[in-house]
C-alpha atoms as a PDB file:
ATOM      1  CA  MET A   1      -0.028  -0.041   0.053  1.00  0.00           C
ATOM      2  CA  THR A   2       1.590   3.255  -1.038  1.00  0.00           C
ATOM      3  CA  THR A   3      -0.729   5.721   0.624  1.00  0.00           C
ATOM      4  CA  PRO A   4      -2.199   5.326   4.133  1.00  0.00           C
ATOM      5  CA  LEU A   5      -5.899   5.127   4.980  1.00  0.00           C
ATOM      6  CA  PRO A   6      -7.318   8.448   6.127  1.00  0.00           C
ATOM      7  CA  VAL A   7      -7.945   9.116   9.765  1.00  0.00           C
ATOM      8  CA  GLY A   8     -11.525   8.266  10.551  1.00  0.00           C
ATOM      9  CA  THR A   9     -11.759   5.255   8.198  1.00  0.00           C
ATOM     10  CA  ARG A  10     -13.709   2.296   9.563  1.00  0.00           C
ATOM     11  CA  VAL A  11     -11.702  -0.871   9.362  1.00  0.00           C
ATOM     12  CA  ARG A  12     -11.537  -4.403  10.467  1.00  0.00           C
ATOM     13  CA  HIS A  13      -8.665  -6.812  11.192  1.00  0.00           C
ATOM     14  CA  TYR A  14      -8.002  -9.635   8.668  1.00  0.00           C
ATOM     15  CA  GLY A  15      -8.582 -12.110  11.555  1.00  0.00           C
ATOM     16  CA  GLN A  16     -12.187 -10.821  11.975  1.00  0.00           C
ATOM     17  CA  GLN A  17     -14.013 -12.697   9.140  1.00  0.00           C
ATOM     18  CA  TRP A  18     -17.570 -12.945  10.491  1.00  0.00           C
ATOM     19  CA  PRO A  19     -20.248 -11.052   8.367  1.00  0.00           C
ATOM     20  CA  ALA A  20     -21.032  -8.393  10.995  1.00  0.00           C
ATOM     21  CA  ALA A  21     -17.326  -7.336  10.891  1.00  0.00           C
ATOM     22  CA  ARG A  22     -17.553  -6.095   7.333  1.00  0.00           C
ATOM     23  CA  SER A  23     -18.972  -2.731   8.627  1.00  0.00           C
ATOM     24  CA  GLY A  24     -15.877  -2.299  10.667  1.00  0.00           C
ATOM     25  CA  THR A  25     -14.713  -3.113  14.226  1.00  0.00           C
ATOM     26  CA  ALA A  26     -12.296  -0.112  14.589  1.00  0.00           C
ATOM     27  CA  THR A  27     -11.581   3.420  13.517  1.00  0.00           C
ATOM     28  CA  VAL A  28      -8.258   4.708  12.225  1.00  0.00           C
ATOM     29  CA  LEU A  29      -6.877   7.354  14.555  1.00  0.00           C
ATOM     30  CA  GLU A  30      -3.346   7.811  13.184  1.00  0.00           C
ATOM     31  CA  ALA A  31      -1.103   6.392  10.434  1.00  0.00           C
ATOM     32  CA  LYS A  32       2.754   6.120  10.733  1.00  0.00           C
ATOM     33  CA  GLY A  33       4.990   5.075   7.939  1.00  0.00           C
ATOM     34  CA  PRO A  34       5.827   3.879   5.486  1.00  0.00           C
ATOM     35  CA  CYS A  35       7.756   1.037   6.973  1.00  0.00           C
ATOM     36  CA  SER A  36      10.707  -0.390   5.144  1.00  0.00           C
ATOM     37  CA  ASP A  37       8.453  -2.955   3.415  1.00  0.00           C
ATOM     38  CA  GLY A  38       5.996  -0.200   2.207  1.00  0.00           C
ATOM     39  CA  SER A  39       3.292  -1.048   4.792  1.00  0.00           C
ATOM     40  CA  TRP A  40       1.893   1.436   7.295  1.00  0.00           C
ATOM     41  CA  GLU A  41       1.152   1.215  11.045  1.00  0.00           C
ATOM     42  CA  TYR A  42      -2.307   2.322  12.110  1.00  0.00           C
ATOM     43  CA  ARG A  43      -3.234   3.357  15.602  1.00  0.00           C
ATOM     44  CA  VAL A  44      -6.865   2.327  15.882  1.00  0.00           C
ATOM     45  CA  LEU A  45      -9.689   2.595  18.373  1.00  0.00           C
ATOM     46  CA  ALA A  46     -10.883  -1.028  18.524  1.00  0.00           C
ATOM     47  CA  THR A  47     -13.405  -3.094  20.504  1.00  0.00           C
ATOM     48  CA  GLN A  48     -12.549  -4.331  23.973  1.00  0.00           C
ATOM     49  CA  ASP A  49     -13.092  -7.935  22.888  1.00  0.00           C
ATOM     50  CA  PHE A  50     -11.356  -8.594  19.542  1.00  0.00           C
ATOM     51  CA  ALA A  51     -13.460 -11.711  18.874  1.00  0.00           C
ATOM     52  CA  ARG A  52     -16.981 -10.050  19.195  1.00  0.00           C
ATOM     53  CA  SER A  53     -18.876  -7.402  17.143  1.00  0.00           C
ATOM     54  CA  PRO A  54     -18.939  -3.780  18.412  1.00  0.00           C
ATOM     55  CA  GLY A  55     -21.958  -2.946  20.484  1.00  0.00           C
ATOM     56  CA  PRO A  56     -23.018  -1.493  23.855  1.00  0.00           C
ATOM     57  CA  ASP A  57     -21.534  -4.532  25.662  1.00  0.00           C
ATOM     58  CA  ASN A  58     -18.292  -4.358  23.521  1.00  0.00           C
ATOM     59  CA  PRO A  59     -17.442  -0.650  23.015  1.00  0.00           C
ATOM     60  CA  GLU A  60     -14.623   0.618  20.809  1.00  0.00           C
ATOM     61  CA  THR A  61     -12.430   2.053  23.677  1.00  0.00           C
ATOM     62  CA  ARG A  62      -9.188   0.148  23.213  1.00  0.00           C
ATOM     63  CA  GLU A  63      -6.230   1.768  21.346  1.00  0.00           C
ATOM     64  CA  THR A  64      -3.908  -0.543  19.507  1.00  0.00           C
ATOM     65  CA  TRP A  65      -1.691  -0.670  16.539  1.00  0.00           C
ATOM     66  CA  TRP A  66      -2.466  -2.714  13.446  1.00  0.00           C
ATOM     67  CA  ASN A  67      -0.198  -3.091  10.351  1.00  0.00           C
ATOM     68  CA  SER A  68      -1.715  -2.187   7.016  1.00  0.00           C
ATOM     69  CA  THR A  69      -1.142  -5.782   5.816  1.00  0.00           C
ATOM     70  CA  ALA A  70      -3.678  -6.926   8.421  1.00  0.00           C
ATOM     71  CA  THR A  71      -6.119  -4.021   8.131  1.00  0.00           C
ATOM     72  CA  ILE A  72      -9.162  -4.205   5.731  1.00  0.00           C
ATOM     73  CA  PRO A  73     -11.165  -0.944   5.076  1.00  0.00           C
ATOM     74  CA  ALA A  74     -14.919  -1.320   5.568  1.00  0.00           C
ATOM     75  CA  PRO A  75     -17.042  -0.760   2.506  1.00  0.00           C
ATOM     76  CA  ALA A  76     -18.417   2.923   2.281  1.00  0.00           C
ATOM     77  CA  ALA A  77     -21.919   3.168   4.004  1.00  0.00           C
ATOM     78  CA  GLY A  78     -24.763   4.111   1.795  1.00  0.00           C
END
């Protein structure tokens, strides 16, 4: 990936393959890079429980870093 995803982009981790994850399980807060391999590091606001969909009982309150090779943008809403 040559350009980073914009801040505010809804994303999911490549390990999150269930259908509800397609709308995103995290939001990009920051991008750093590019790394020596051309990838980017994204600081994201993700769900507390990685294995469950976002919701009132699983809020997106955990900051973590995901590499762009493991980050999938959610389809645009609408």
